[in-house]
Amino acid sequence: MEKAATYFLNLFAQSAGRICTFGANLFIFILIARMWGTELFGQYSYILTFLGVITAIADFGMTSVLGKDLAQVTDGKANYWGNYLFLRSMVCLVVIVPSVIAAYYIRQDLFIILMAGSLALPFLASRFFEPFFQVYQQPWHSSYASVGYALAYLLLSCTVVLYTKDLLMLVVVYILANSIYLAMAMYLAYTSEKPRFEIEWTTIKDILKLAVPLGVSSLFTIVSSKAAIFILAAMKSDHEVAIFNAAYKFLDLGAMLAVMLVSPIVPILSTMAMGKRENLRDNFADIMEIISIFALPVAIVCPFISQMLIELLYGNAFQESAMALNILAWVGVLVLYSLFTEALAISIGVVNFALWSTAIAAVMNILLNYFLIPRYSFIGSAWAALICEIFLSGVTIVVILKHVGNIFRWRSWAKIIILNLAMFLLLGLTGKVAIPFAWGGPLVFYILSVILFKAIPPKASGYFTKWRFRTPSVQ
């Protein structure tokens, strides 16, 4: 029960900051789409994709390692923290040079903007404090820094979007907002633990031992997930990039929610992994079933509301995005499975499989986009993303089955699948009725059925009915 309290408190605290951050980003994203049109919106999407790629490379899997190591290090946390910050800074500086070179060769018309973002990489790659604040029982500190970022980015970006059409200024504002986040997070972290910058190569080697497989796999993952943007820009135009990225933003939202759910659980699973493996397996089986109960209906409902959603947010110019969104909704569900199973793999120290699986997925994604985009444009990119995510999720689940045991209780899964199929059939039957009833009625039916047939695992139900607020600690 204490583990559940720890998870939910950290989840709530970290969620507040992430929601503010993503909300600010999404608002500016939509504002640009409506105010600047598809061409400039496509260029902005391209820039953010490039910066996202180099930021993921600079992270190099070290954020996940931080949560695991701090939860398990008993002595010398200050020294570990100092070595971690040193290593992370060095990696950022190393990544800047190839980033600038790549920016020059892939998009010369946007080179100045991409170079400015590359030079500011230490600020852009600063989102690694959440595991630190969680372990030191200060989860709200991550929210304070995120709120500071959100306010600065929202206010300054609105000014730029409404009064200019300057992409460079928009990127400068983005860099400034991230600088504010880093300054606040470093100050708050300093109040909990003063880093000791006594470089110990043994500590750095220990960090890299686990981080390198994760870092390489994250590189392949980001290539796999973002290849479509670069190939669309090369084979088609910024217009197609805009259409695809408008739909992909919803996948980013799903991924953000997934990361928000996963981040607090890595230290908890790492602690549980030090005990009986059977308990770890049973608790994770509960998690997988709860994920399915809440995530599957989102993908099933999506085709019935996607057109309305896209037009409401982006306007009529982005109607085509709905077709891609219907496919990407299933990618979001699979990403959720992948992230949770990857968190379990990290907690038991099994990460090397990610090297070859993500490498294969990256090659698959590039090839699929290369062959599908000329004929199917952004729809081909959406199918490529789904095929690759099916592969990645499947590999991770097989690895977990091998090292932890069977996490699927087939009777429970059959119940969940049947209830979702029933809801889908109801949606099909009511599809021509007024929208509120068309998806609202079947959803109510689904919720009542989940309760009636007791689809939620009993232990999880106990968490919700018996949990009380209290100050948790990671033992």
Protein backbone atom coordinates (compact mmCIF):
# COMPACT_ATOMS: atom_id res chain seq x y z
CA MET A 1 0.00 0.00 0.00
CA GLU A 2 2.88 2.35 0.76
CA LYS A 3 4.26 1.70 -2.75
CA ALA A 4 0.89 2.75 -4.19
CA ALA A 5 0.89 5.92 -2.09
CA THR A 6 4.43 6.68 -3.26
CA TYR A 7 3.47 6.20 -6.88
CA PHE A 8 0.28 8.27 -6.83
CA LEU A 9 1.80 11.18 -4.92
CA ASN A 10 4.77 11.39 -7.28
CA LEU A 11 2.51 10.91 -10.27
CA PHE A 12 0.25 13.76 -9.20
CA ALA A 13 3.16 16.09 -8.42
CA GLN A 14 5.01 15.40 -11.67
CA SER A 15 1.80 15.45 -13.70
CA ALA A 16 1.02 19.02 -12.67
CA GLY A 17 4.30 20.27 -14.12
CA ARG A 18 4.15 18.15 -17.25
CA ILE A 19 0.57 19.22 -17.97
CA CYS A 20 1.56 22.89 -17.70
CA THR A 21 4.56 22.32 -19.97
CA PHE A 22 2.67 20.36 -22.59
CA GLY A 23 -0.33 22.66 -22.37
CA ALA A 24 1.84 25.69 -23.15
CA ASN A 25 3.55 23.86 -26.02
CA LEU A 26 0.25 22.63 -27.45
CA PHE A 27 -1.37 26.07 -27.24
CA ILE A 28 1.51 27.70 -29.14
CA PHE A 29 1.52 24.79 -31.59
CA ILE A 30 -2.16 25.31 -32.41
CA LEU A 31 -1.79 29.10 -32.48
CA ILE A 32 0.99 28.84 -35.07
CA ALA A 33 -1.11 26.46 -37.19
CA ARG A 34 -4.03 28.89 -37.21
CA MET A 35 -2.06 32.14 -37.54
CA TRP A 36 0.84 31.18 -39.82
CA GLY A 37 -0.64 28.54 -42.15
CA THR A 38 0.57 25.10 -43.17
CA GLU A 39 3.91 26.08 -44.75
CA LEU A 40 5.36 27.97 -41.77
CA PHE A 41 3.74 25.48 -39.43
CA GLY A 42 5.51 22.69 -41.33
CA GLN A 43 8.85 24.48 -40.98
CA TYR A 44 8.27 24.99 -37.27
CA SER A 45 7.41 21.31 -36.91
CA TYR A 46 10.62 20.42 -38.74
CA ILE A 47 12.70 22.60 -36.41
CA LEU A 48 11.15 21.13 -33.27
CA THR A 49 11.68 17.62 -34.64
CA PHE A 50 15.36 18.31 -35.27
CA LEU A 51 15.82 19.79 -31.78
CA GLY A 52 13.94 16.84 -30.30
CA VAL A 53 16.31 14.41 -32.01
CA ILE A 54 19.51 16.05 -30.77
CA THR A 55 18.01 16.46 -27.28
CA ALA A 56 17.25 12.73 -27.15
CA ILE A 57 20.81 11.98 -28.26
CA ALA A 58 22.21 14.27 -25.56
CA ASP A 59 20.07 12.56 -22.92
CA PHE A 60 21.61 9.22 -23.96
CA GLY A 61 19.44 7.18 -21.60
CA MET A 62 20.82 8.91 -18.51
CA THR A 63 17.48 10.16 -17.17
CA SER A 64 16.23 6.59 -16.70
CA VAL A 65 19.53 5.60 -15.11
CA LEU A 66 19.30 8.46 -12.62
CA GLY A 67 16.02 7.22 -11.19
CA LYS A 68 17.29 3.65 -10.81
CA ASP A 69 20.70 4.51 -9.35
CA LEU A 70 19.55 7.12 -6.82
CA ALA A 71 16.90 4.70 -5.55
CA GLN A 72 19.54 2.02 -4.97
CA VAL A 73 22.62 4.04 -3.94
CA THR A 74 22.88 3.98 -0.15
CA ASP A 75 26.07 6.03 0.37
CA GLY A 76 27.66 8.82 -1.59
CA LYS A 77 24.58 10.31 -3.25
CA ALA A 78 26.22 13.76 -3.40
CA ASN A 79 29.25 12.34 -5.18
CA TYR A 80 27.07 10.36 -7.58
CA TRP A 81 25.00 13.49 -8.34
CA GLY A 82 28.13 15.53 -9.10
CA ASN A 83 29.52 12.88 -11.42
CA TYR A 84 26.15 12.56 -13.13
CA LEU A 85 25.95 16.31 -13.82
CA PHE A 86 29.53 16.35 -15.11
CA LEU A 87 28.94 13.43 -17.46
CA ARG A 88 25.69 14.87 -18.75
CA SER A 89 27.32 18.25 -19.47
CA MET A 90 30.17 16.61 -21.38
CA VAL A 91 27.78 14.56 -23.51
CA CYS A 92 25.83 17.73 -24.41
CA LEU A 93 28.98 19.53 -25.51
CA VAL A 94 30.07 16.58 -27.63
CA VAL A 95 26.69 16.37 -29.40
CA ILE A 96 26.67 20.07 -30.37
CA VAL A 97 29.34 19.76 -33.08
CA PRO A 98 27.73 16.98 -35.18
CA SER A 99 24.36 18.68 -34.66
CA VAL A 100 25.56 21.90 -36.30
CA ILE A 101 27.16 19.97 -39.17
CA ALA A 102 23.99 17.93 -39.71
CA ALA A 103 21.86 21.10 -39.66
CA TYR A 104 23.94 22.61 -42.46
CA TYR A 105 23.62 19.63 -44.77
CA ILE A 106 19.98 18.62 -44.24
CA ARG A 107 18.24 22.00 -44.38
CA GLN A 108 20.33 24.98 -45.44
CA ASP A 109 17.29 27.26 -45.69
CA LEU A 110 16.76 26.78 -41.94
CA PHE A 111 20.43 26.45 -40.96
CA ILE A 112 20.71 29.59 -38.79
CA ILE A 113 17.69 28.57 -36.73
CA LEU A 114 18.80 24.94 -36.38
CA MET A 115 22.32 26.06 -35.43
CA ALA A 116 20.96 28.38 -32.73
CA GLY A 117 19.02 25.49 -31.24
CA SER A 118 22.05 23.19 -31.42
CA LEU A 119 24.28 25.66 -29.57
CA ALA A 120 21.67 25.89 -26.81
CA LEU A 121 21.58 22.10 -26.35
CA PRO A 122 22.68 22.12 -22.66
CA PHE A 123 19.52 24.12 -21.89
CA LEU A 124 17.20 22.10 -24.12
CA ALA A 125 18.42 18.79 -22.66
CA SER A 126 17.75 19.79 -19.06
CA ARG A 127 14.59 17.76 -18.39
CA PHE A 128 16.18 15.16 -16.13
CA PHE A 129 15.34 16.37 -12.62
CA GLU A 130 12.10 14.51 -11.94
CA PRO A 131 13.73 11.24 -10.74
CA PHE A 132 16.04 13.30 -8.49
CA PHE A 133 13.16 15.16 -6.82
CA GLN A 134 11.21 11.94 -6.42
CA VAL A 135 14.00 10.10 -4.62
CA TYR A 136 14.61 13.09 -2.35
CA GLN A 137 10.88 13.23 -1.53
CA GLN A 138 10.42 16.64 -3.14
CA PRO A 139 8.24 15.75 -6.17
CA TRP A 140 6.58 19.17 -6.22
CA HIS A 141 9.91 20.83 -7.04
CA SER A 142 9.76 19.43 -10.56
CA SER A 143 6.37 21.08 -10.98
CA TYR A 144 7.64 24.47 -9.84
CA ALA A 145 10.35 24.50 -12.52
CA SER A 146 7.92 23.26 -15.18
CA VAL A 147 5.40 25.98 -14.34
CA GLY A 148 8.17 28.58 -14.64
CA TYR A 149 9.01 27.26 -18.09
CA ALA A 150 5.36 27.14 -19.18
CA LEU A 151 4.60 30.73 -18.16
CA ALA A 152 7.71 32.13 -19.82
CA TYR A 153 7.23 30.16 -23.03
CA LEU A 154 3.52 30.93 -23.26
CA LEU A 155 3.81 34.68 -22.75
CA LEU A 156 6.87 35.24 -24.93
CA SER A 157 5.76 32.91 -27.74
CA CYS A 158 2.29 34.49 -27.94
CA THR A 159 3.95 37.86 -28.45
CA VAL A 160 6.12 36.51 -31.27
CA VAL A 161 3.31 34.60 -33.02
CA LEU A 162 0.76 37.40 -32.83
CA TYR A 163 3.03 40.26 -33.89
CA THR A 164 5.64 38.66 -36.16
CA LYS A 165 6.26 35.66 -38.38
CA ASP A 166 9.84 35.16 -37.22
CA LEU A 167 10.80 31.51 -36.70
CA LEU A 168 14.21 32.44 -35.31
CA MET A 169 12.67 34.58 -32.57
CA LEU A 170 10.30 31.73 -31.73
CA VAL A 171 13.25 29.37 -31.24
CA VAL A 172 15.10 31.98 -29.14
CA VAL A 173 12.04 32.20 -26.90
CA TYR A 174 12.00 28.39 -26.64
CA ILE A 175 15.67 28.41 -25.58
CA LEU A 176 15.05 31.17 -23.03
CA ALA A 177 12.12 29.31 -21.46
CA ASN A 178 14.24 26.15 -21.12
CA SER A 179 17.02 28.22 -19.55
CA ILE A 180 14.55 29.42 -16.92
CA TYR A 181 13.55 25.81 -16.24
CA LEU A 182 17.18 24.74 -15.81
CA ALA A 183 17.98 27.62 -13.46
CA MET A 184 14.98 26.90 -11.24
CA ALA A 185 15.51 23.13 -11.22
CA MET A 186 19.20 23.43 -10.37
CA TYR A 187 18.45 25.79 -7.49
CA LEU A 188 15.75 23.51 -6.07
CA ALA A 189 17.96 20.45 -6.48
CA TYR A 190 20.78 22.26 -4.67
CA THR A 191 18.53 22.73 -1.63
CA SER A 192 18.10 18.94 -1.43
CA GLU A 193 21.61 17.75 -2.31
CA LYS A 194 24.75 19.74 -3.00
CA PRO A 195 26.63 17.95 -5.77
CA ARG A 196 30.22 16.99 -5.01
CA PHE A 197 32.26 17.42 -8.17
CA GLU A 198 34.98 14.91 -7.36
CA ILE A 199 35.23 13.02 -10.61
CA GLU A 200 35.33 9.26 -10.10
CA TRP A 201 35.74 7.35 -13.31
CA THR A 202 34.37 4.22 -11.66
CA THR A 203 31.08 6.02 -11.00
CA ILE A 204 30.99 7.40 -14.53
CA LYS A 205 31.67 3.93 -15.94
CA ASP A 206 28.83 2.52 -13.83
CA ILE A 207 26.45 5.18 -15.18
CA LEU A 208 27.54 4.57 -18.76
CA LYS A 209 27.31 0.79 -18.37
CA LEU A 210 23.55 1.02 -18.06
CA ALA A 211 23.08 4.28 -19.99
CA VAL A 212 24.89 3.32 -23.21
CA PRO A 213 22.43 0.58 -24.25
CA LEU A 214 19.53 2.87 -23.35
CA GLY A 215 21.17 5.82 -25.09
CA VAL A 216 21.86 3.95 -28.31
CA SER A 217 18.37 2.48 -28.28
CA SER A 218 16.87 5.94 -27.64
CA LEU A 219 18.81 7.21 -30.66
CA PHE A 220 17.32 4.47 -32.81
CA THR A 221 13.89 5.11 -31.28
CA ILE A 222 13.98 8.82 -32.03
CA VAL A 223 15.16 8.11 -35.59
CA SER A 224 12.31 5.62 -35.96
CA SER A 225 9.69 8.02 -34.60
CA LYS A 226 10.90 11.16 -36.37
CA ALA A 227 12.17 9.80 -39.69
CA ALA A 228 8.79 10.51 -41.29
CA ILE A 229 9.17 14.27 -40.78
CA PHE A 230 12.54 14.43 -42.52
CA ILE A 231 11.53 12.10 -45.36
CA LEU A 232 8.22 13.90 -45.90
CA ALA A 233 10.06 17.22 -46.11
CA ALA A 234 12.55 15.76 -48.62
CA MET A 235 10.06 13.83 -50.79
CA LYS A 236 6.96 16.02 -50.49
CA SER A 237 6.80 19.50 -48.92
CA ASP A 238 6.39 21.40 -45.67
CA HIS A 239 2.62 21.19 -46.23
CA GLU A 240 2.67 17.39 -45.84
CA VAL A 241 4.93 17.78 -42.81
CA ALA A 242 2.33 20.10 -41.27
CA ILE A 243 -0.58 17.74 -41.97
CA PHE A 244 1.25 14.73 -40.51
CA ASN A 245 2.63 16.59 -37.51
CA ALA A 246 -0.78 18.01 -36.62
CA ALA A 247 -1.96 14.42 -36.10
CA TYR A 248 1.35 13.34 -34.57
CA LYS A 249 0.96 15.97 -31.86
CA PHE A 250 -1.78 13.82 -30.37
CA LEU A 251 0.69 10.93 -30.26
CA ASP A 252 3.12 13.27 -28.51
CA LEU A 253 0.34 13.98 -26.02
CA GLY A 254 -0.16 10.25 -25.49
CA ALA A 255 3.57 9.72 -25.11
CA MET A 256 3.74 12.60 -22.61
CA LEU A 257 0.96 11.01 -20.56
CA ALA A 258 2.74 7.67 -20.79
CA VAL A 259 6.05 9.12 -19.62
CA MET A 260 4.18 10.96 -16.88
CA LEU A 261 2.76 7.63 -15.69
CA VAL A 262 6.03 5.73 -16.08
CA SER A 263 8.53 8.18 -14.55
CA PRO A 264 7.46 7.78 -10.89
CA ILE A 265 7.30 4.00 -11.19
CA VAL A 266 10.92 3.33 -12.24
CA PRO A 267 12.40 3.86 -8.74
CA ILE A 268 9.47 1.93 -7.22
CA LEU A 269 9.90 -1.05 -9.56
CA SER A 270 13.66 -0.90 -8.94
CA THR A 271 13.01 -1.22 -5.21
CA MET A 272 10.51 -4.05 -5.75
CA ALA A 273 13.00 -5.85 -8.02
CA MET A 274 15.29 -6.28 -5.01
CA GLY A 275 12.62 -8.50 -3.40
CA LYS A 276 10.70 -11.54 -4.58
CA ARG A 277 10.33 -11.79 -8.34
CA GLU A 278 6.81 -13.23 -7.98
CA ASN A 279 5.55 -10.05 -6.30
CA LEU A 280 7.11 -7.94 -9.02
CA ARG A 281 5.44 -10.04 -11.71
CA ASP A 282 2.01 -9.96 -10.07
CA ASN A 283 2.08 -6.21 -9.52
CA PHE A 284 3.15 -5.61 -13.10
CA ALA A 285 0.36 -7.86 -14.39
CA ASP A 286 -2.07 -5.54 -12.56
CA ILE A 287 -0.46 -2.54 -14.25
CA MET A 288 -0.78 -4.02 -17.74
CA GLU A 289 -4.46 -4.78 -17.24
CA ILE A 290 -5.21 -1.29 -15.91
CA ILE A 291 -3.40 0.22 -18.92
CA SER A 292 -5.56 -1.80 -21.29
CA ILE A 293 -8.81 -0.89 -19.55
CA PHE A 294 -8.14 2.84 -19.97
CA ALA A 295 -6.08 2.97 -23.19
CA LEU A 296 -7.87 0.65 -25.61
CA PRO A 297 -11.15 2.66 -25.60
CA VAL A 298 -9.25 5.79 -26.68
CA ALA A 299 -8.05 4.13 -29.88
CA ILE A 300 -11.47 2.59 -30.53
CA VAL A 301 -13.35 5.89 -30.13
CA CYS A 302 -10.81 7.91 -32.15
CA PRO A 303 -12.22 7.29 -35.69
CA PHE A 304 -15.63 8.53 -34.54
CA ILE A 305 -14.36 11.90 -33.28
CA SER A 306 -11.05 12.55 -35.08
CA GLN A 307 -12.47 14.77 -37.85
CA MET A 308 -14.33 16.94 -35.38
CA LEU A 309 -11.28 17.16 -33.11
CA ILE A 310 -8.85 18.16 -35.87
CA GLU A 311 -11.15 20.87 -37.26
CA LEU A 312 -11.87 22.21 -33.80
CA LEU A 313 -8.18 22.62 -32.92
CA TYR A 314 -6.41 23.33 -36.21
CA GLY A 315 -9.12 24.50 -38.59
CA ASN A 316 -10.42 23.24 -41.94
CA ALA A 317 -6.98 23.41 -43.60
CA PHE A 318 -5.90 20.37 -41.57
CA GLN A 319 -8.87 18.05 -42.26
CA GLU A 320 -6.62 15.40 -43.82
CA SER A 321 -4.83 14.96 -40.49
CA ALA A 322 -7.80 12.98 -39.17
CA MET A 323 -6.93 10.00 -41.38
CA ALA A 324 -3.44 9.81 -39.93
CA LEU A 325 -4.75 10.31 -36.39
CA ASN A 326 -6.97 7.22 -36.66
CA ILE A 327 -3.87 5.10 -37.24
CA LEU A 328 -1.59 6.91 -34.79
CA ALA A 329 -4.10 6.36 -31.97
CA TRP A 330 -3.13 2.68 -31.96
CA VAL A 331 0.53 3.65 -31.99
CA GLY A 332 -0.14 5.59 -28.78
CA VAL A 333 -1.59 2.52 -27.07
CA LEU A 334 1.46 0.46 -28.04
CA VAL A 335 3.83 3.21 -26.87
CA LEU A 336 2.18 3.01 -23.47
CA TYR A 337 2.82 -0.74 -23.31
CA SER A 338 6.39 -0.27 -24.51
CA LEU A 339 7.28 2.37 -21.93
CA PHE A 340 5.91 0.40 -18.99
CA THR A 341 7.57 -2.85 -20.04
CA GLU A 342 10.81 -0.95 -20.67
CA ALA A 343 10.56 0.50 -17.15
CA LEU A 344 10.28 -3.04 -15.79
CA ALA A 345 13.28 -4.14 -17.86
CA ILE A 346 15.32 -1.22 -16.50
CA SER A 347 14.35 -2.09 -12.92
CA ILE A 348 15.79 -5.61 -13.30
CA GLY A 349 18.86 -4.40 -15.23
CA VAL A 350 17.92 -6.01 -18.56
CA VAL A 351 18.48 -3.41 -21.26
CA ASN A 352 20.84 -4.77 -23.92
CA PHE A 353 17.99 -6.14 -26.03
CA ALA A 354 16.96 -2.54 -26.74
CA LEU A 355 20.09 -2.07 -28.85
CA TRP A 356 19.18 -4.51 -31.62
CA SER A 357 15.39 -4.13 -31.39
CA THR A 358 15.41 -0.35 -31.79
CA ALA A 359 18.08 -0.58 -34.51
CA ILE A 360 15.88 -2.94 -36.52
CA ALA A 361 12.83 -0.70 -35.92
CA ALA A 362 14.75 2.38 -37.12
CA VAL A 363 15.80 0.65 -40.34
CA MET A 364 12.25 -0.65 -40.83
CA ASN A 365 10.79 2.82 -40.33
CA ILE A 366 13.15 4.51 -42.77
CA LEU A 367 12.56 1.87 -45.44
CA LEU A 368 8.80 1.85 -44.96
CA ASN A 369 8.61 5.64 -45.16
CA TYR A 370 10.86 5.65 -48.22
CA PHE A 371 8.61 3.24 -50.11
CA LEU A 372 5.20 4.32 -48.76
CA ILE A 373 5.47 8.13 -48.82
CA PRO A 374 5.72 8.53 -52.64
CA ARG A 375 2.41 6.69 -53.04
CA TYR A 376 0.52 7.30 -49.79
CA SER A 377 2.18 10.48 -48.45
CA PHE A 378 1.59 11.07 -44.71
CA ILE A 379 -0.81 8.10 -44.45
CA GLY A 380 2.11 5.86 -45.39
CA SER A 381 4.12 7.42 -42.56
CA ALA A 382 1.34 6.67 -40.10
CA TRP A 383 1.25 2.99 -41.15
CA ALA A 384 5.04 2.81 -40.92
CA ALA A 385 4.88 4.11 -37.34
CA LEU A 386 2.27 1.50 -36.40
CA ILE A 387 4.18 -1.43 -37.92
CA CYS A 388 7.40 -0.43 -36.15
CA GLU A 389 5.68 0.05 -32.79
CA ILE A 390 4.07 -3.40 -33.05
CA PHE A 391 7.55 -4.84 -33.52
CA LEU A 392 9.08 -2.89 -30.60
CA SER A 393 6.28 -3.69 -28.18
CA GLY A 394 6.38 -7.35 -29.13
CA VAL A 395 10.12 -7.65 -28.54
CA THR A 396 9.98 -5.92 -25.14
CA ILE A 397 7.09 -8.10 -23.96
CA VAL A 398 8.91 -11.28 -25.05
CA VAL A 399 11.98 -10.19 -23.06
CA ILE A 400 9.85 -9.54 -19.98
CA LEU A 401 8.18 -12.94 -20.31
CA LYS A 402 11.62 -14.54 -20.39
CA HIS A 403 13.10 -12.74 -17.37
CA VAL A 404 10.08 -12.10 -15.15
CA GLY A 405 7.56 -14.72 -16.18
CA ASN A 406 4.03 -14.60 -17.54
CA ILE A 407 2.50 -11.17 -16.95
CA PHE A 408 -0.71 -12.02 -18.84
CA ARG A 409 -3.67 -13.47 -16.98
CA TRP A 410 -5.61 -14.69 -19.97
CA ARG A 411 -9.01 -14.74 -18.30
CA SER A 412 -8.66 -11.07 -17.35
CA TRP A 413 -7.41 -10.12 -20.81
CA ALA A 414 -10.26 -11.98 -22.51
CA LYS A 415 -12.71 -9.99 -20.40
CA ILE A 416 -11.06 -6.69 -21.34
CA ILE A 417 -10.98 -7.51 -25.06
CA ILE A 418 -14.62 -8.64 -25.15
CA LEU A 419 -15.79 -5.45 -23.40
CA ASN A 420 -13.86 -3.29 -25.86
CA LEU A 421 -15.27 -5.20 -28.84
CA ALA A 422 -18.78 -4.71 -27.47
CA MET A 423 -18.18 -0.97 -27.18
CA PHE A 424 -16.85 -0.87 -30.75
CA LEU A 425 -19.97 -2.57 -32.05
CA LEU A 426 -22.18 -0.10 -30.20
CA LEU A 427 -20.19 2.79 -31.66
CA GLY A 428 -20.73 1.37 -35.14
CA LEU A 429 -24.46 1.03 -34.57
CA THR A 430 -24.84 4.57 -33.21
CA GLY A 431 -22.37 6.19 -35.61
CA LYS A 432 -25.10 8.05 -37.53
CA VAL A 433 -26.73 9.45 -34.40
CA ALA A 434 -25.87 12.87 -32.91
CA ILE A 435 -22.23 12.95 -31.77
CA PRO A 436 -22.75 13.18 -27.96
CA PHE A 437 -24.76 9.96 -27.94
CA ALA A 438 -22.70 8.30 -30.67
CA TRP A 439 -19.59 8.02 -28.52
CA GLY A 440 -20.94 9.00 -25.08
CA GLY A 441 -23.49 6.18 -24.77
CA PRO A 442 -21.11 3.33 -25.64
CA LEU A 443 -18.48 4.80 -23.31
CA VAL A 444 -20.94 4.82 -20.41
CA PHE A 445 -21.82 1.22 -21.31
CA TYR A 446 -18.12 0.33 -21.25
CA ILE A 447 -17.50 1.94 -17.86
CA LEU A 448 -20.51 0.21 -16.32
CA SER A 449 -19.44 -3.11 -17.85
CA VAL A 450 -15.92 -2.77 -16.44
CA ILE A 451 -17.41 -2.27 -12.97
CA LEU A 452 -20.09 -4.96 -13.34
CA PHE A 453 -17.74 -7.65 -14.64
CA LYS A 454 -14.94 -6.62 -12.22
CA ALA A 455 -12.38 -6.08 -14.97
CA ILE A 456 -10.14 -3.94 -12.74
CA PRO A 457 -7.72 -6.18 -10.79
CA PRO A 458 -8.83 -6.62 -7.13
CA LYS A 459 -5.53 -5.36 -5.75
CA ALA A 460 -5.73 -2.22 -7.89
CA SER A 461 -9.29 -1.62 -6.70
CA GLY A 462 -7.95 -1.76 -3.16
CA TYR A 463 -5.44 0.94 -3.95
CA PHE A 464 -8.21 3.31 -5.02
CA THR A 465 -10.64 2.49 -2.18
CA LYS A 466 -8.24 2.22 0.76
CA TRP A 467 -5.39 4.59 -0.13
CA ARG A 468 -4.88 7.56 2.18
CA PHE A 469 -2.67 10.60 1.63
CA ARG A 470 0.60 10.39 3.48
CA THR A 471 4.22 11.32 2.98
CA PRO A 472 5.87 8.44 1.15
CA SER A 473 9.48 7.42 0.99
CA VAL A 474 11.47 5.22 -1.33
CA GLN A 475 13.20 2.70 0.86
